Amino acid sequence: MIDLTIIILTYNEEKNIQDCLDSIKSTNANIFVVDSFSTDATLNIFKKRKINYTQHPFENYAAQRNWAQLNNPFQTEWVLHLDAGERLSSEMVNWLNNDFQPTTETNGFMFSRRTMIFGKWVKYGGHYPNYHLRLYRTKKGKCENKLYDQHFFVNGHTAVLKPGIDIIDTVMSSWQEFTLGHARWAVFEAIEIIEKTKKTGEVRVSLSGSPIEKRRWLKSNLFEKSPLFLRSLLYFMYRYFFRLGFLDGLTGLTFHFLQGFWFRFLIDATVLELKTKMEKENISLPGLIARDYDPKYLRILKTEDS
């Protein structure tokens, strides 16, 4: 066995989890699942496959991931975090089984995420390669304390592996699922933008840093400082024309438009809505959120104050 545990979070994932487990079953690694009290057939799948799992109340993704890592029963030196809707490519399984021999100075590895929409690979629009840190030494890394757009970070050197050794992300099962989910995330991000004392997370913001650090710098110092609404249009044009997103066909057009333009436009619309109400009604952001929105959105303000 590799001194590694693959950690997966679940909640009502009966549609996704079997393919996820199939993709990792040939790895020489331990598997540990933390479930948020699923009510569908998810737990039956674990029992049938004899997967080691436990249940823990869900607060937010960062807290759940870090709790899972801290309570890993296998206590391995390395952890690899996956979502139920993700799979390991065959190249990554092969790398883990045969080439995962980290040196003492390497504390983490970055892999590209391969986005799949209804079986079609989104290769353009700057969406591939798209690197993420998921594999690292347990005592050296964790998930940053953010409710939205959180990343893992590690203390020390990280290595970036070549494209092909990928995590495959199936994204969603329908456009309805996609838009409903992103509508919820739009409120989270709008609150973060308005909250002046917001934390930027533990990931370092650096144009000369890792791929994740560069993306965080571009978002914080370029995109978020551009005018509302115009930035979503420019971002879509950049992805679709300059980064050749049009080569992804009709599926790519839908994805790049919804994820690159509509979602960002909705965030800006929510920012404008919140600011207008706060000014006209002389109400604080927490008071407005408590009055007009789901209470779950108040958690982001509590997290930023912590």
Protein backbone atom coordinates (compact mmCIF):
# COMPACT_ATOMS: atom_id res chain seq x y z
CA MET A 1 0.00 0.00 0.00
CA ILE A 2 1.04 3.59 -0.66
CA ASP A 3 1.31 5.70 2.50
CA LEU A 4 -1.68 7.65 1.19
CA THR A 5 -5.37 8.09 1.95
CA ILE A 6 -7.87 9.26 -0.68
CA ILE A 7 -10.47 11.38 1.16
CA ILE A 8 -13.93 11.90 -0.35
CA LEU A 9 -16.83 14.01 0.92
CA THR A 10 -20.40 12.93 0.16
CA TYR A 11 -24.00 13.92 0.62
CA ASN A 12 -26.67 12.13 -1.45
CA GLU A 13 -24.16 11.15 -4.12
CA GLU A 14 -25.67 7.86 -5.32
CA LYS A 15 -25.51 9.11 -8.93
CA ASN A 16 -21.81 9.99 -8.78
CA ILE A 17 -20.02 7.98 -6.16
CA GLN A 18 -19.87 4.62 -7.94
CA ASP A 19 -17.97 6.04 -10.92
CA CYS A 20 -15.68 7.89 -8.51
CA LEU A 21 -14.95 4.69 -6.56
CA ASP A 22 -14.47 2.71 -9.78
CA SER A 23 -11.78 5.18 -10.89
CA ILE A 24 -9.74 4.72 -7.70
CA LYS A 25 -10.31 1.06 -6.89
CA SER A 26 -7.06 -0.04 -8.55
CA THR A 27 -4.92 2.45 -6.63
CA ASN A 28 -2.73 1.08 -3.87
CA ALA A 29 -4.13 3.62 -1.44
CA ASN A 30 -6.53 3.73 1.49
CA ILE A 31 -10.01 5.22 0.96
CA PHE A 32 -11.82 7.23 3.60
CA VAL A 33 -15.24 8.86 3.10
CA VAL A 34 -16.88 11.49 5.29
CA ASP A 35 -20.62 11.62 4.66
CA SER A 36 -22.97 14.43 5.72
CA PHE A 37 -25.88 12.10 6.64
CA SER A 38 -27.03 11.10 3.18
CA THR A 39 -30.67 10.05 2.81
CA ASP A 40 -30.35 8.24 -0.54
CA ALA A 41 -28.51 5.00 -1.38
CA THR A 42 -25.00 6.45 -0.85
CA LEU A 43 -24.32 4.61 2.41
CA ASN A 44 -25.57 1.31 0.99
CA ILE A 45 -23.00 1.65 -1.79
CA PHE A 46 -20.22 2.08 0.80
CA LYS A 47 -21.41 -0.92 2.78
CA LYS A 48 -21.63 -3.09 -0.33
CA ARG A 49 -18.14 -2.09 -1.43
CA LYS A 50 -16.75 -2.25 2.12
CA ILE A 51 -15.59 1.35 1.98
CA ASN A 52 -14.40 2.88 5.24
CA TYR A 53 -16.68 5.81 6.05
CA THR A 54 -17.94 7.95 8.90
CA GLN A 55 -20.56 10.66 9.23
CA HIS A 56 -20.07 14.23 10.37
CA PRO A 57 -22.37 17.29 10.29
CA PHE A 58 -21.64 19.61 7.38
CA GLU A 59 -20.73 23.21 8.21
CA ASN A 60 -18.88 24.20 5.04
CA TYR A 61 -16.51 22.56 2.57
CA ALA A 62 -13.31 23.85 4.14
CA ALA A 63 -14.29 22.77 7.65
CA GLN A 64 -15.47 19.35 6.43
CA ARG A 65 -12.32 18.69 4.41
CA ASN A 66 -10.06 19.66 7.29
CA TRP A 67 -12.09 17.60 9.77
CA ALA A 68 -11.83 14.58 7.48
CA GLN A 69 -8.09 15.02 7.18
CA LEU A 70 -7.67 15.40 10.94
CA ASN A 71 -9.82 12.33 11.67
CA ASN A 72 -8.39 10.05 8.98
CA PRO A 73 -8.31 6.61 10.66
CA PHE A 74 -5.39 5.48 8.51
CA GLN A 75 -3.13 8.33 9.71
CA THR A 76 -1.11 8.23 6.49
CA GLU A 77 1.67 10.66 5.69
CA TRP A 78 -0.09 11.76 2.49
CA VAL A 79 -3.70 12.65 1.63
CA LEU A 80 -5.45 13.15 -1.70
CA HIS A 81 -8.77 15.03 -1.63
CA LEU A 82 -11.50 14.21 -4.17
CA ASP A 83 -15.11 15.25 -4.71
CA ALA A 84 -17.73 12.62 -5.41
CA GLY A 85 -18.24 14.06 -8.91
CA GLU A 86 -14.56 13.65 -9.74
CA ARG A 87 -12.55 10.70 -11.05
CA LEU A 88 -8.88 9.88 -11.42
CA SER A 89 -7.62 9.45 -14.97
CA SER A 90 -5.96 6.12 -15.77
CA GLU A 91 -2.70 8.04 -16.18
CA MET A 92 -3.00 9.40 -12.64
CA VAL A 93 -3.76 5.95 -11.21
CA ASN A 94 -0.69 4.61 -12.96
CA TRP A 95 1.42 7.51 -11.63
CA LEU A 96 0.24 6.93 -8.07
CA ASN A 97 0.94 3.20 -8.21
CA ASN A 98 4.26 3.32 -10.01
CA ASP A 99 5.83 6.78 -9.93
CA PHE A 100 4.71 8.37 -6.67
CA GLN A 101 8.09 8.50 -4.97
CA PRO A 102 8.28 11.96 -3.39
CA THR A 103 11.58 13.44 -2.33
CA THR A 104 11.98 14.84 1.15
CA GLU A 105 11.74 18.44 -0.09
CA THR A 106 8.43 17.92 -1.94
CA ASN A 107 5.37 18.46 0.24
CA GLY A 108 2.64 18.58 -2.39
CA PHE A 109 1.69 17.90 -6.02
CA MET A 110 -0.48 19.88 -8.42
CA PHE A 111 -2.56 18.14 -11.07
CA SER A 112 -4.63 19.56 -13.87
CA ARG A 113 -8.41 19.19 -13.65
CA ARG A 114 -10.03 17.89 -16.83
CA THR A 115 -13.54 19.33 -17.16
CA MET A 116 -16.09 17.00 -18.78
CA ILE A 117 -19.52 18.25 -19.87
CA PHE A 118 -21.88 15.42 -20.82
CA GLY A 119 -18.89 13.33 -21.83
CA LYS A 120 -17.20 16.12 -23.83
CA TRP A 121 -13.78 17.38 -22.72
CA VAL A 122 -13.58 21.19 -22.45
CA LYS A 123 -10.02 21.76 -23.67
CA TYR A 124 -10.00 25.44 -24.57
CA GLY A 125 -10.91 28.82 -23.13
CA GLY A 126 -8.01 28.61 -20.68
CA HIS A 127 -9.74 25.71 -18.99
CA TYR A 128 -7.02 23.15 -19.60
CA PRO A 129 -4.54 22.65 -18.15
CA ASN A 130 -6.09 24.07 -14.97
CA TYR A 131 -3.94 23.13 -12.00
CA HIS A 132 -5.14 22.32 -8.49
CA LEU A 133 -3.34 21.17 -5.35
CA ARG A 134 -4.98 18.00 -4.02
CA LEU A 135 -2.14 15.70 -2.95
CA TYR A 136 0.13 16.70 -0.09
CA ARG A 137 1.73 15.66 3.19
CA THR A 138 -0.94 15.55 5.89
CA LYS A 139 1.03 17.64 8.37
CA LYS A 140 2.03 20.25 5.80
CA GLY A 141 -1.26 21.29 4.18
CA LYS A 142 -5.00 21.83 4.54
CA CYS A 143 -7.95 23.60 2.95
CA GLU A 144 -8.01 27.38 3.38
CA ASN A 145 -10.68 28.89 5.60
CA LYS A 146 -13.01 30.30 2.93
CA LEU A 147 -16.65 29.52 2.24
CA TYR A 148 -16.34 30.11 -1.49
CA ASP A 149 -13.63 29.38 -4.07
CA GLN A 150 -11.46 27.68 -1.48
CA HIS A 151 -8.20 25.98 -2.39
CA PHE A 152 -5.80 23.67 -0.61
CA PHE A 153 -2.42 25.07 0.36
CA VAL A 154 0.79 23.53 1.61
CA ASN A 155 3.83 24.75 3.48
CA GLY A 156 6.93 24.04 1.43
CA HIS A 157 7.74 22.98 -2.11
CA THR A 158 5.06 21.74 -4.51
CA ALA A 159 5.65 19.97 -7.81
CA VAL A 160 3.50 20.47 -10.91
CA LEU A 161 2.88 17.30 -12.93
CA LYS A 162 2.47 17.24 -16.69
CA PRO A 163 -1.00 17.34 -18.28
CA GLY A 164 -2.57 13.92 -18.67
CA ILE A 165 -2.04 12.94 -15.06
CA ASP A 166 -5.39 14.54 -14.33
CA ILE A 167 -8.35 14.70 -12.02
CA ILE A 168 -11.50 14.40 -14.14
CA ASP A 169 -14.38 16.68 -13.11
CA THR A 170 -17.83 15.74 -14.43
CA VAL A 171 -19.18 19.14 -13.23
CA MET A 172 -22.93 18.37 -13.24
CA SER A 173 -25.69 16.18 -14.65
CA SER A 174 -27.81 18.98 -16.17
CA TRP A 175 -27.66 22.67 -16.96
CA GLN A 176 -30.46 23.19 -14.44
CA GLU A 177 -28.25 21.74 -11.70
CA PHE A 178 -25.38 23.93 -12.89
CA THR A 179 -27.35 27.21 -12.89
CA LEU A 180 -29.11 26.57 -9.58
CA GLY A 181 -25.80 25.76 -7.89
CA HIS A 182 -24.02 28.77 -9.33
CA ALA A 183 -26.92 31.06 -8.39
CA ARG A 184 -26.28 30.11 -4.76
CA TRP A 185 -22.52 30.59 -5.12
CA ALA A 186 -23.08 34.01 -6.67
CA VAL A 187 -24.49 35.29 -3.38
CA PHE A 188 -21.48 33.98 -1.46
CA GLU A 189 -19.04 35.74 -3.78
CA ALA A 190 -21.05 38.97 -3.83
CA ILE A 191 -20.89 39.08 -0.03
CA GLU A 192 -17.14 38.51 -0.13
CA ILE A 193 -16.70 41.35 -2.62
CA ILE A 194 -18.71 43.80 -0.53
CA GLU A 195 -17.22 42.84 2.82
CA LYS A 196 -14.22 45.15 3.00
CA THR A 197 -12.56 43.23 5.80
CA LYS A 198 -12.84 39.94 3.95
CA LYS A 199 -10.02 37.45 4.17
CA THR A 200 -8.33 36.50 0.94
CA GLY A 201 -7.63 33.04 2.29
CA GLU A 202 -4.37 31.37 3.17
CA VAL A 203 -3.35 30.89 -0.46
CA ARG A 204 -0.61 33.39 -1.27
CA VAL A 205 -1.49 36.04 -3.87
CA SER A 206 1.46 36.16 -6.26
CA LEU A 207 1.83 36.75 -9.99
CA SER A 208 5.16 34.90 -9.93
CA GLY A 209 3.95 32.00 -7.79
CA SER A 210 2.24 28.68 -8.47
CA PRO A 211 -0.66 28.39 -10.97
CA ILE A 212 -3.14 28.75 -8.10
CA GLU A 213 -1.34 31.79 -6.68
CA LYS A 214 -1.28 33.40 -10.13
CA ARG A 215 -5.03 32.87 -10.60
CA ARG A 216 -5.71 34.36 -7.18
CA TRP A 217 -3.55 37.40 -8.06
CA LEU A 218 -5.29 37.95 -11.40
CA LYS A 219 -8.70 37.68 -9.77
CA SER A 220 -7.85 40.00 -6.86
CA ASN A 221 -5.79 42.59 -8.70
CA LEU A 222 -7.26 42.63 -12.19
CA PHE A 223 -10.74 41.16 -12.45
CA GLU A 224 -12.19 42.41 -9.14
CA LYS A 225 -10.81 45.91 -9.72
CA SER A 226 -12.51 46.22 -13.11
CA PRO A 227 -15.97 47.87 -13.49
CA LEU A 228 -19.04 45.85 -12.60
CA PHE A 229 -20.72 44.07 -15.54
CA LEU A 230 -18.04 45.10 -18.04
CA ARG A 231 -15.60 42.65 -16.46
CA SER A 232 -17.89 39.67 -17.03
CA LEU A 233 -18.24 40.55 -20.71
CA LEU A 234 -14.50 41.05 -21.16
CA TYR A 235 -13.76 37.81 -19.33
CA PHE A 236 -16.09 35.84 -21.59
CA MET A 237 -14.60 37.39 -24.73
CA TYR A 238 -11.11 36.62 -23.48
CA ARG A 239 -12.00 32.99 -22.83
CA TYR A 240 -14.12 32.42 -25.91
CA PHE A 241 -12.10 34.27 -28.55
CA PHE A 242 -8.54 34.88 -27.34
CA ARG A 243 -8.24 31.54 -25.51
CA LEU A 244 -10.06 29.74 -28.36
CA GLY A 245 -13.07 28.59 -26.37
CA PHE A 246 -15.10 28.48 -29.60
CA LEU A 247 -13.15 25.32 -30.52
CA ASP A 248 -15.09 23.47 -27.80
CA GLY A 249 -18.22 23.50 -29.99
CA LEU A 250 -21.81 24.06 -28.84
CA THR A 251 -21.24 22.37 -25.48
CA GLY A 252 -18.24 24.62 -24.92
CA LEU A 253 -20.21 27.69 -25.98
CA THR A 254 -22.86 26.91 -23.35
CA PHE A 255 -20.29 26.23 -20.65
CA HIS A 256 -18.06 29.23 -21.35
CA PHE A 257 -21.09 31.54 -21.61
CA LEU A 258 -22.76 30.34 -18.40
CA GLN A 259 -19.61 29.91 -16.32
CA GLY A 260 -17.55 32.75 -17.79
CA PHE A 261 -20.23 35.39 -18.41
CA TRP A 262 -23.65 34.64 -16.87
CA PHE A 263 -22.27 33.57 -13.49
CA ARG A 264 -19.93 36.57 -13.23
CA PHE A 265 -22.71 38.91 -14.42
CA LEU A 266 -25.05 37.48 -11.76
CA ILE A 267 -22.41 38.11 -9.09
CA ASP A 268 -22.14 41.75 -10.16
CA ALA A 269 -25.93 42.10 -10.24
CA THR A 270 -26.09 40.75 -6.69
CA VAL A 271 -23.34 43.14 -5.57
CA LEU A 272 -25.31 46.07 -7.01
CA GLU A 273 -28.53 44.83 -5.42
CA LEU A 274 -26.99 44.49 -1.97
CA LYS A 275 -25.21 47.84 -2.10
CA THR A 276 -28.36 49.65 -3.31
CA LYS A 277 -30.50 48.20 -0.52
CA MET A 278 -27.86 48.93 2.11
CA GLU A 279 -27.65 52.58 1.03
CA LYS A 280 -31.36 53.27 0.53
CA GLU A 281 -32.51 51.47 3.68
CA ASN A 282 -29.50 52.36 5.85
CA ILE A 283 -29.09 48.73 6.82
CA SER A 284 -25.91 46.77 7.51
CA LEU A 285 -24.83 43.89 5.33
CA PRO A 286 -25.43 41.28 8.08
CA GLY A 287 -28.85 42.79 8.78
CA LEU A 288 -29.78 42.73 5.09
CA ILE A 289 -28.61 39.14 4.65
CA ALA A 290 -30.51 38.04 7.76
CA ARG A 291 -33.69 39.72 6.53
CA ASP A 292 -33.74 38.87 2.83
CA TYR A 293 -31.54 35.79 2.36
CA ASP A 294 -31.09 32.27 3.59
CA PRO A 295 -29.39 32.24 7.04
CA LYS A 296 -26.60 30.07 5.59
CA TYR A 297 -25.17 33.18 3.93
CA LEU A 298 -24.48 34.72 7.35
CA ARG A 299 -21.82 32.07 7.86
CA ILE A 300 -19.56 33.78 5.39
CA LEU A 301 -19.55 36.96 7.50
CA LYS A 302 -18.83 34.99 10.66
CA THR A 303 -15.99 33.18 8.89
CA GLU A 304 -14.44 36.43 7.69
CA ASP A 305 -14.53 37.81 11.25
CA SER A 306 -12.80 34.76 12.71
